[in-house]
Amino acid sequence: MNAPKKPAPRPRTDFGYFNPISTRWMDNDVYGHVNNVVYYSWFDTAVNAYLVEQGVLDPATSAVIGLVVNTTCNYFSSVAFPDMIEAGVTVAHIGKSSVRYEVGIFKKGASLTAAHGHFVHVYVDRVTQRPVPLPGALREALLRLQPSAPGHPDHNSAA
């Protein structure tokens, strides 16, 4: 049986959207680096910032909202206050009512991730909380973040 591939830092070119985020004094733990739970907050912030910027999410009024059903993170190098970070986002999979985002956390200007992981949203009706198909405008915004999308840094225009 083959051992699973060990996660490794990912390059900037794997991600199509970047959101700058400031670390805060309270993010550091007693060991002098940003606590692991903060990374999940950064994932949430980066994904939802993209959706808001694209006009496909209004957190207060959107009829369809994304609920996190799965997330993971792998850590490679330490981040600590007062580091500035850049959260990179790409879309790895689009389903009927779900999306798998991949998020990379970079120290400002770094070429490789300090941490990266994934974040799965299931889109539901805000009132019923039941899964619904992705609205067309949301699907279009997500397609722009797939590596095969024109303009994505990882897009191979010769393909």
N, C-alpha and C. Protein backbone atom coordinates (compact mmCIF):
# COMPACT_ATOMS: atom_id res chain seq x y z
N MET A 1 0.84 -1.19 0.00
CA MET A 1 0.00 0.00 0.00
C MET A 1 0.88 1.24 0.00
N ASN A 2 0.57 2.19 -0.88
CA ASN A 2 1.36 3.42 -0.97
C ASN A 2 0.97 4.38 0.15
N ALA A 3 1.98 5.01 0.72
CA ALA A 3 1.73 6.02 1.75
C ALA A 3 1.16 7.27 1.08
N PRO A 4 0.25 7.98 1.79
CA PRO A 4 -0.28 9.22 1.20
C PRO A 4 0.84 10.23 0.97
N LYS A 5 0.68 11.01 -0.08
CA LYS A 5 1.66 12.04 -0.41
C LYS A 5 1.69 13.08 0.71
N LYS A 6 2.88 13.39 1.19
CA LYS A 6 3.05 14.38 2.25
C LYS A 6 2.76 15.77 1.70
N PRO A 7 1.88 16.54 2.37
CA PRO A 7 1.61 17.90 1.89
C PRO A 7 2.89 18.73 1.86
N ALA A 8 2.96 19.62 0.89
CA ALA A 8 4.11 20.51 0.72
C ALA A 8 3.59 21.91 0.43
N PRO A 9 4.39 22.93 0.73
CA PRO A 9 3.97 24.30 0.40
C PRO A 9 3.62 24.43 -1.08
N ARG A 10 2.66 25.29 -1.37
CA ARG A 10 2.20 25.50 -2.75
C ARG A 10 2.63 26.89 -3.24
N PRO A 11 2.85 27.02 -4.55
CA PRO A 11 3.25 28.32 -5.10
C PRO A 11 2.06 29.27 -5.28
N ARG A 12 2.38 30.53 -5.35
CA ARG A 12 1.40 31.59 -5.57
C ARG A 12 0.57 31.37 -6.83
N THR A 13 1.19 30.78 -7.84
CA THR A 13 0.49 30.59 -9.12
C THR A 13 -0.67 29.61 -9.03
N ASP A 14 -0.79 28.87 -7.93
CA ASP A 14 -1.91 27.96 -7.73
C ASP A 14 -3.21 28.69 -7.39
N PHE A 15 -3.13 29.98 -7.10
CA PHE A 15 -4.28 30.72 -6.58
C PHE A 15 -4.61 31.90 -7.49
N GLY A 16 -5.89 32.14 -7.71
CA GLY A 16 -6.33 33.16 -8.64
C GLY A 16 -6.80 34.46 -8.02
N TYR A 17 -7.06 34.46 -6.72
CA TYR A 17 -7.55 35.67 -6.03
C TYR A 17 -6.78 35.78 -4.74
N PHE A 18 -6.40 37.02 -4.39
CA PHE A 18 -5.66 37.25 -3.14
C PHE A 18 -6.34 38.32 -2.31
N ASN A 19 -6.43 38.06 -1.01
CA ASN A 19 -7.02 38.99 -0.06
C ASN A 19 -5.98 39.30 1.00
N PRO A 20 -5.56 40.58 1.13
CA PRO A 20 -4.60 40.93 2.17
C PRO A 20 -5.29 40.95 3.54
N ILE A 21 -4.61 40.41 4.54
CA ILE A 21 -5.16 40.36 5.90
C ILE A 21 -4.06 40.73 6.88
N SER A 22 -4.39 41.56 7.85
CA SER A 22 -3.44 41.93 8.91
C SER A 22 -3.56 40.93 10.06
N THR A 23 -2.43 40.47 10.54
CA THR A 23 -2.49 39.71 11.79
C THR A 23 -2.77 40.69 12.91
N ARG A 24 -3.29 40.18 14.01
CA ARG A 24 -3.60 41.01 15.17
C ARG A 24 -2.81 40.51 16.37
N TRP A 25 -2.58 41.36 17.32
CA TRP A 25 -1.87 41.00 18.54
C TRP A 25 -2.50 39.76 19.18
N MET A 26 -3.82 39.73 19.22
CA MET A 26 -4.53 38.63 19.88
C MET A 26 -4.45 37.31 19.11
N ASP A 27 -3.98 37.33 17.84
CA ASP A 27 -3.86 36.10 17.06
C ASP A 27 -2.74 35.20 17.57
N ASN A 28 -1.70 35.80 18.18
CA ASN A 28 -0.57 35.02 18.67
C ASN A 28 -0.98 34.22 19.90
N ASP A 29 -0.45 33.00 19.99
CA ASP A 29 -0.71 32.20 21.17
C ASP A 29 0.50 32.25 22.10
N VAL A 30 0.49 31.47 23.15
CA VAL A 30 1.58 31.52 24.13
C VAL A 30 2.91 31.03 23.56
N TYR A 31 2.88 30.38 22.40
CA TYR A 31 4.10 29.90 21.77
C TYR A 31 4.72 30.92 20.83
N GLY A 32 4.07 32.10 20.70
CA GLY A 32 4.64 33.18 19.91
C GLY A 32 4.32 33.16 18.43
N HIS A 33 3.31 32.38 18.03
CA HIS A 33 2.89 32.38 16.62
C HIS A 33 1.38 32.38 16.55
N VAL A 34 0.85 32.63 15.37
CA VAL A 34 -0.60 32.66 15.19
C VAL A 34 -1.16 31.28 15.50
N ASN A 35 -2.20 31.25 16.32
CA ASN A 35 -2.84 30.00 16.71
C ASN A 35 -3.55 29.36 15.52
N ASN A 36 -3.58 28.05 15.48
CA ASN A 36 -4.14 27.33 14.34
C ASN A 36 -5.58 27.69 14.03
N VAL A 37 -6.40 28.01 15.01
CA VAL A 37 -7.81 28.32 14.74
C VAL A 37 -7.96 29.60 13.92
N VAL A 38 -7.01 30.50 13.99
CA VAL A 38 -7.08 31.76 13.25
C VAL A 38 -7.01 31.50 11.74
N TYR A 39 -6.28 30.49 11.33
CA TYR A 39 -6.16 30.18 9.91
C TYR A 39 -7.53 29.88 9.30
N TYR A 40 -8.39 29.19 10.04
CA TYR A 40 -9.74 28.89 9.54
C TYR A 40 -10.56 30.17 9.38
N SER A 41 -10.35 31.11 10.26
CA SER A 41 -11.01 32.42 10.13
C SER A 41 -10.52 33.13 8.86
N TRP A 42 -9.23 33.03 8.58
CA TRP A 42 -8.69 33.63 7.36
C TRP A 42 -9.27 32.96 6.12
N PHE A 43 -9.43 31.65 6.15
CA PHE A 43 -10.05 30.94 5.02
C PHE A 43 -11.44 31.53 4.76
N ASP A 44 -12.23 31.61 5.82
CA ASP A 44 -13.61 32.12 5.73
C ASP A 44 -13.62 33.55 5.21
N THR A 45 -12.72 34.38 5.74
CA THR A 45 -12.63 35.78 5.32
C THR A 45 -12.29 35.89 3.83
N ALA A 46 -11.30 35.15 3.38
CA ALA A 46 -10.85 35.25 1.98
C ALA A 46 -11.93 34.78 1.01
N VAL A 47 -12.55 33.65 1.29
CA VAL A 47 -13.59 33.12 0.40
C VAL A 47 -14.76 34.09 0.33
N ASN A 48 -15.24 34.53 1.48
CA ASN A 48 -16.41 35.40 1.49
C ASN A 48 -16.10 36.80 0.97
N ALA A 49 -14.88 37.29 1.15
CA ALA A 49 -14.50 38.59 0.57
C ALA A 49 -14.60 38.50 -0.95
N TYR A 50 -14.12 37.41 -1.53
CA TYR A 50 -14.22 37.24 -2.98
C TYR A 50 -15.68 37.26 -3.43
N LEU A 51 -16.53 36.50 -2.74
CA LEU A 51 -17.94 36.42 -3.12
C LEU A 51 -18.63 37.77 -3.00
N VAL A 52 -18.33 38.52 -1.95
CA VAL A 52 -18.91 39.86 -1.78
C VAL A 52 -18.41 40.78 -2.89
N GLU A 53 -17.09 40.76 -3.15
CA GLU A 53 -16.52 41.61 -4.21
C GLU A 53 -17.12 41.30 -5.57
N GLN A 54 -17.48 40.05 -5.81
CA GLN A 54 -18.06 39.64 -7.09
C GLN A 54 -19.56 39.95 -7.16
N GLY A 55 -20.14 40.42 -6.06
CA GLY A 55 -21.56 40.76 -6.03
C GLY A 55 -22.49 39.55 -5.96
N VAL A 56 -21.96 38.41 -5.52
CA VAL A 56 -22.80 37.21 -5.45
C VAL A 56 -23.13 36.80 -4.02
N LEU A 57 -22.72 37.62 -3.05
CA LEU A 57 -23.05 37.36 -1.65
C LEU A 57 -23.29 38.68 -0.94
N ASP A 58 -24.43 38.78 -0.30
CA ASP A 58 -24.71 39.84 0.68
C ASP A 58 -25.00 39.08 1.97
N PRO A 59 -24.07 39.10 2.93
CA PRO A 59 -24.24 38.29 4.13
C PRO A 59 -25.56 38.52 4.86
N ALA A 60 -26.12 39.71 4.75
CA ALA A 60 -27.36 40.01 5.48
C ALA A 60 -28.62 39.62 4.73
N THR A 61 -28.56 39.58 3.39
CA THR A 61 -29.81 39.42 2.65
C THR A 61 -29.83 38.32 1.59
N SER A 62 -28.71 37.72 1.24
CA SER A 62 -28.71 36.71 0.18
C SER A 62 -29.65 35.56 0.53
N ALA A 63 -30.47 35.17 -0.45
CA ALA A 63 -31.40 34.06 -0.25
C ALA A 63 -30.69 32.72 -0.19
N VAL A 64 -29.52 32.63 -0.87
CA VAL A 64 -28.72 31.40 -0.88
C VAL A 64 -27.40 31.72 -0.17
N ILE A 65 -27.05 30.88 0.80
CA ILE A 65 -25.82 31.10 1.59
C ILE A 65 -25.01 29.80 1.62
N GLY A 66 -23.70 29.95 1.82
CA GLY A 66 -22.82 28.79 1.92
C GLY A 66 -22.55 28.43 3.36
N LEU A 67 -22.73 27.16 3.68
CA LEU A 67 -22.41 26.64 5.02
C LEU A 67 -21.19 25.74 4.91
N VAL A 68 -20.24 25.92 5.81
CA VAL A 68 -19.04 25.10 5.81
C VAL A 68 -19.38 23.69 6.31
N VAL A 69 -19.01 22.69 5.50
CA VAL A 69 -19.25 21.30 5.90
C VAL A 69 -17.95 20.52 6.08
N ASN A 70 -16.84 21.07 5.58
CA ASN A 70 -15.56 20.38 5.72
C ASN A 70 -14.45 21.39 5.51
N THR A 71 -13.40 21.27 6.32
CA THR A 71 -12.24 22.13 6.17
C THR A 71 -11.02 21.42 6.75
N THR A 72 -9.87 21.75 6.19
CA THR A 72 -8.61 21.20 6.70
C THR A 72 -7.51 22.21 6.43
N CYS A 73 -6.41 22.08 7.18
CA CYS A 73 -5.28 22.98 6.98
C CYS A 73 -3.99 22.24 7.27
N ASN A 74 -2.99 22.48 6.43
CA ASN A 74 -1.63 21.97 6.64
C ASN A 74 -0.72 23.17 6.86
N TYR A 75 0.19 23.04 7.82
CA TYR A 75 1.05 24.15 8.22
C TYR A 75 2.50 23.85 7.85
N PHE A 76 3.20 24.88 7.34
CA PHE A 76 4.57 24.69 6.88
C PHE A 76 5.58 25.63 7.53
N SER A 77 5.19 26.88 7.78
CA SER A 77 6.09 27.82 8.43
C SER A 77 5.27 28.76 9.30
N SER A 78 5.91 29.27 10.31
CA SER A 78 5.23 30.08 11.32
C SER A 78 4.86 31.48 10.81
N VAL A 79 3.71 31.93 11.25
CA VAL A 79 3.25 33.30 11.02
C VAL A 79 2.99 33.90 12.40
N ALA A 80 3.35 35.17 12.59
CA ALA A 80 3.14 35.81 13.89
C ALA A 80 2.86 37.29 13.70
N PHE A 81 2.12 37.88 14.65
CA PHE A 81 1.92 39.31 14.66
C PHE A 81 3.30 39.96 14.76
N PRO A 82 3.60 40.97 13.98
CA PRO A 82 2.76 41.81 13.13
C PRO A 82 2.84 41.47 11.64
N ASP A 83 3.05 40.20 11.28
CA ASP A 83 3.12 39.82 9.87
C ASP A 83 1.85 40.24 9.13
N MET A 84 2.02 40.66 7.90
CA MET A 84 0.90 40.85 6.98
C MET A 84 0.81 39.57 6.18
N ILE A 85 -0.40 39.11 5.93
CA ILE A 85 -0.55 37.90 5.13
C ILE A 85 -1.41 38.18 3.91
N GLU A 86 -1.32 37.27 2.96
CA GLU A 86 -2.16 37.30 1.77
C GLU A 86 -2.78 35.92 1.65
N ALA A 87 -4.11 35.88 1.64
CA ALA A 87 -4.83 34.62 1.52
C ALA A 87 -5.21 34.44 0.06
N GLY A 88 -4.67 33.39 -0.56
CA GLY A 88 -4.97 33.08 -1.94
C GLY A 88 -6.10 32.07 -2.03
N VAL A 89 -6.99 32.24 -3.01
CA VAL A 89 -8.14 31.35 -3.16
C VAL A 89 -8.20 30.82 -4.59
N THR A 90 -8.51 29.55 -4.72
CA THR A 90 -8.81 28.94 -6.00
C THR A 90 -9.99 28.00 -5.78
N VAL A 91 -10.66 27.61 -6.85
CA VAL A 91 -11.79 26.69 -6.76
C VAL A 91 -11.36 25.36 -7.36
N ALA A 92 -11.35 24.32 -6.53
CA ALA A 92 -10.90 23.00 -6.97
C ALA A 92 -12.03 22.16 -7.56
N HIS A 93 -13.27 22.38 -7.09
CA HIS A 93 -14.39 21.57 -7.57
C HIS A 93 -15.69 22.34 -7.39
N ILE A 94 -16.52 22.28 -8.41
CA ILE A 94 -17.86 22.86 -8.34
C ILE A 94 -18.86 21.73 -8.57
N GLY A 95 -19.72 21.52 -7.59
CA GLY A 95 -20.77 20.51 -7.71
C GLY A 95 -22.11 21.18 -7.99
N LYS A 96 -23.18 20.42 -7.82
CA LYS A 96 -24.53 20.96 -8.04
C LYS A 96 -24.87 22.01 -6.99
N SER A 97 -24.54 21.72 -5.71
CA SER A 97 -24.85 22.67 -4.63
C SER A 97 -23.66 22.90 -3.71
N SER A 98 -22.49 22.42 -4.10
CA SER A 98 -21.31 22.57 -3.24
C SER A 98 -20.10 23.05 -4.02
N VAL A 99 -19.16 23.59 -3.27
CA VAL A 99 -17.91 24.11 -3.85
C VAL A 99 -16.76 23.75 -2.91
N ARG A 100 -15.66 23.28 -3.49
CA ARG A 100 -14.45 23.06 -2.71
C ARG A 100 -13.47 24.17 -3.09
N TYR A 101 -13.23 25.05 -2.13
CA TYR A 101 -12.24 26.11 -2.28
C TYR A 101 -10.92 25.60 -1.73
N GLU A 102 -9.83 26.02 -2.32
CA GLU A 102 -8.52 25.79 -1.75
C GLU A 102 -7.95 27.16 -1.41
N VAL A 103 -7.39 27.26 -0.20
CA VAL A 103 -6.92 28.55 0.30
C VAL A 103 -5.47 28.40 0.75
N GLY A 104 -4.64 29.33 0.29
CA GLY A 104 -3.23 29.35 0.69
C GLY A 104 -2.96 30.60 1.50
N ILE A 105 -2.23 30.43 2.58
CA ILE A 105 -1.84 31.56 3.43
C ILE A 105 -0.36 31.85 3.18
N PHE A 106 -0.10 33.06 2.70
CA PHE A 106 1.26 33.50 2.38
C PHE A 106 1.65 34.66 3.28
N LYS A 107 2.89 34.67 3.79
CA LYS A 107 3.40 35.91 4.34
C LYS A 107 3.49 36.87 3.17
N LYS A 108 3.23 38.15 3.41
CA LYS A 108 3.20 39.14 2.33
C LYS A 108 4.43 39.00 1.44
N GLY A 109 4.18 38.80 0.14
CA GLY A 109 5.25 38.72 -0.85
C GLY A 109 5.93 37.37 -0.98
N ALA A 110 5.62 36.42 -0.10
CA ALA A 110 6.27 35.10 -0.15
C ALA A 110 5.80 34.33 -1.38
N SER A 111 6.68 33.47 -1.89
CA SER A 111 6.33 32.71 -3.09
C SER A 111 5.66 31.38 -2.78
N LEU A 112 5.81 30.88 -1.55
CA LEU A 112 5.21 29.61 -1.15
C LEU A 112 4.32 29.79 0.09
N THR A 113 3.32 28.92 0.20
CA THR A 113 2.40 29.02 1.33
C THR A 113 3.08 28.72 2.66
N ALA A 114 2.69 29.47 3.66
CA ALA A 114 3.05 29.16 5.05
C ALA A 114 2.10 28.08 5.55
N ALA A 115 0.89 28.07 4.97
CA ALA A 115 -0.13 27.06 5.29
C ALA A 115 -1.11 27.04 4.13
N HIS A 116 -1.76 25.92 3.94
CA HIS A 116 -2.85 25.87 2.97
C HIS A 116 -3.78 24.72 3.32
N GLY A 117 -4.98 24.82 2.79
CA GLY A 117 -5.96 23.78 3.04
C GLY A 117 -7.14 23.96 2.13
N HIS A 118 -8.25 23.33 2.52
CA HIS A 118 -9.46 23.49 1.73
C HIS A 118 -10.64 23.81 2.64
N PHE A 119 -11.72 24.19 1.97
CA PHE A 119 -12.89 24.73 2.64
C PHE A 119 -14.06 24.36 1.73
N VAL A 120 -15.01 23.55 2.20
CA VAL A 120 -16.14 23.15 1.38
C VAL A 120 -17.41 23.84 1.88
N HIS A 121 -18.05 24.54 0.96
CA HIS A 121 -19.36 25.14 1.23
C HIS A 121 -20.44 24.29 0.57
N VAL A 122 -21.53 24.05 1.28
CA VAL A 122 -22.76 23.57 0.66
C VAL A 122 -23.69 24.77 0.67
N TYR A 123 -24.24 25.08 -0.49
CA TYR A 123 -25.12 26.24 -0.61
C TYR A 123 -26.55 25.81 -0.32
N VAL A 124 -27.18 26.59 0.57
CA VAL A 124 -28.52 26.27 1.05
C VAL A 124 -29.43 27.49 0.96
N ASP A 125 -30.71 27.22 0.97
CA ASP A 125 -31.71 28.29 1.09
C ASP A 125 -31.59 28.84 2.51
N ARG A 126 -31.47 30.17 2.63
CA ARG A 126 -31.29 30.78 3.95
C ARG A 126 -32.39 30.39 4.92
N VAL A 127 -33.64 30.32 4.45
CA VAL A 127 -34.78 30.05 5.33
C VAL A 127 -34.89 28.57 5.68
N THR A 128 -34.88 27.71 4.67
CA THR A 128 -35.11 26.28 4.92
C THR A 128 -33.86 25.53 5.34
N GLN A 129 -32.68 26.12 5.05
CA GLN A 129 -31.38 25.48 5.33
C GLN A 129 -31.21 24.17 4.54
N ARG A 130 -31.93 24.01 3.45
CA ARG A 130 -31.83 22.84 2.58
C ARG A 130 -30.96 23.18 1.38
N PRO A 131 -30.14 22.22 0.92
CA PRO A 131 -29.28 22.48 -0.25
C PRO A 131 -30.09 22.90 -1.47
N VAL A 132 -29.50 23.81 -2.23
CA VAL A 132 -30.11 24.29 -3.48
C VAL A 132 -29.02 24.34 -4.55
N PRO A 133 -29.42 24.27 -5.82
CA PRO A 133 -28.42 24.41 -6.90
C PRO A 133 -27.75 25.79 -6.82
N LEU A 134 -26.50 25.83 -7.22
CA LEU A 134 -25.77 27.10 -7.22
C LEU A 134 -26.44 28.08 -8.18
N PRO A 135 -26.72 29.30 -7.72
CA PRO A 135 -27.27 30.31 -8.64
C PRO A 135 -26.27 30.59 -9.78
N GLY A 136 -26.79 30.96 -10.95
CA GLY A 136 -25.97 31.18 -12.13
C GLY A 136 -24.83 32.17 -11.93
N ALA A 137 -25.11 33.32 -11.31
CA ALA A 137 -24.07 34.33 -11.12
C ALA A 137 -22.97 33.82 -10.18
N LEU A 138 -23.35 33.06 -9.17
CA LEU A 138 -22.37 32.47 -8.25
C LEU A 138 -21.50 31.47 -9.01
N ARG A 139 -22.12 30.60 -9.78
CA ARG A 139 -21.38 29.61 -10.56
C ARG A 139 -20.38 30.30 -11.49
N GLU A 140 -20.79 31.38 -12.14
CA GLU A 140 -19.89 32.12 -13.03
C GLU A 140 -18.69 32.69 -12.27
N ALA A 141 -18.94 33.25 -11.09
CA ALA A 141 -17.84 33.80 -10.27
C ALA A 141 -16.89 32.69 -9.84
N LEU A 142 -17.42 31.52 -9.54
CA LEU A 142 -16.59 30.39 -9.13
C LEU A 142 -15.75 29.86 -10.28
N LEU A 143 -16.34 29.80 -11.45
CA LEU A 143 -15.62 29.32 -12.64
C LEU A 143 -14.38 30.18 -12.91
N ARG A 144 -14.46 31.47 -12.61
CA ARG A 144 -13.31 32.37 -12.84
C ARG A 144 -12.13 32.04 -11.93
N LEU A 145 -12.39 31.32 -10.84
CA LEU A 145 -11.30 30.96 -9.92
C LEU A 145 -10.75 29.56 -10.15
N GLN A 146 -11.27 28.84 -11.12
CA GLN A 146 -10.72 27.52 -11.42
C GLN A 146 -9.43 27.68 -12.19
N PRO A 147 -8.45 26.79 -11.96
CA PRO A 147 -7.17 26.91 -12.66
C PRO A 147 -7.28 26.93 -14.19
N SER A 148 -8.34 26.35 -14.73
CA SER A 148 -8.51 26.34 -16.18
C SER A 148 -9.07 27.65 -16.72
N ALA A 149 -9.45 28.58 -15.83
CA ALA A 149 -10.08 29.83 -16.26
C ALA A 149 -9.04 30.79 -16.86
N PRO A 150 -9.39 31.43 -17.98
CA PRO A 150 -8.51 32.46 -18.53
C PRO A 150 -8.27 33.56 -17.48
N GLY A 151 -7.04 33.99 -17.36
CA GLY A 151 -6.71 35.01 -16.37
C GLY A 151 -6.21 34.43 -15.05
N HIS A 152 -6.53 33.15 -14.77
CA HIS A 152 -6.00 32.51 -13.55
C HIS A 152 -4.51 32.30 -13.76
N PRO A 153 -3.68 32.60 -12.76
CA PRO A 153 -2.22 32.47 -12.94
C PRO A 153 -1.78 31.08 -13.37
N ASP A 154 -2.55 30.05 -13.05
CA ASP A 154 -2.16 28.69 -13.37
C ASP A 154 -2.75 28.21 -14.69
N HIS A 155 -3.48 29.10 -15.39
CA HIS A 155 -4.12 28.74 -16.66
C HIS A 155 -3.07 28.52 -17.74
N ASN A 156 -3.22 27.41 -18.43
CA ASN A 156 -2.32 27.11 -19.54
C ASN A 156 -3.04 27.51 -20.81
N SER A 157 -2.69 28.65 -21.37
CA SER A 157 -3.39 29.17 -22.54
C SER A 157 -3.18 28.30 -23.77
N ALA A 158 -2.18 27.42 -23.76
CA ALA A 158 -1.94 26.55 -24.91
C ALA A 158 -2.85 25.32 -24.89
N ALA A 159 -3.53 25.08 -23.78
CA ALA A 159 -4.39 23.88 -23.67
C ALA A 159 -5.67 24.05 -24.44
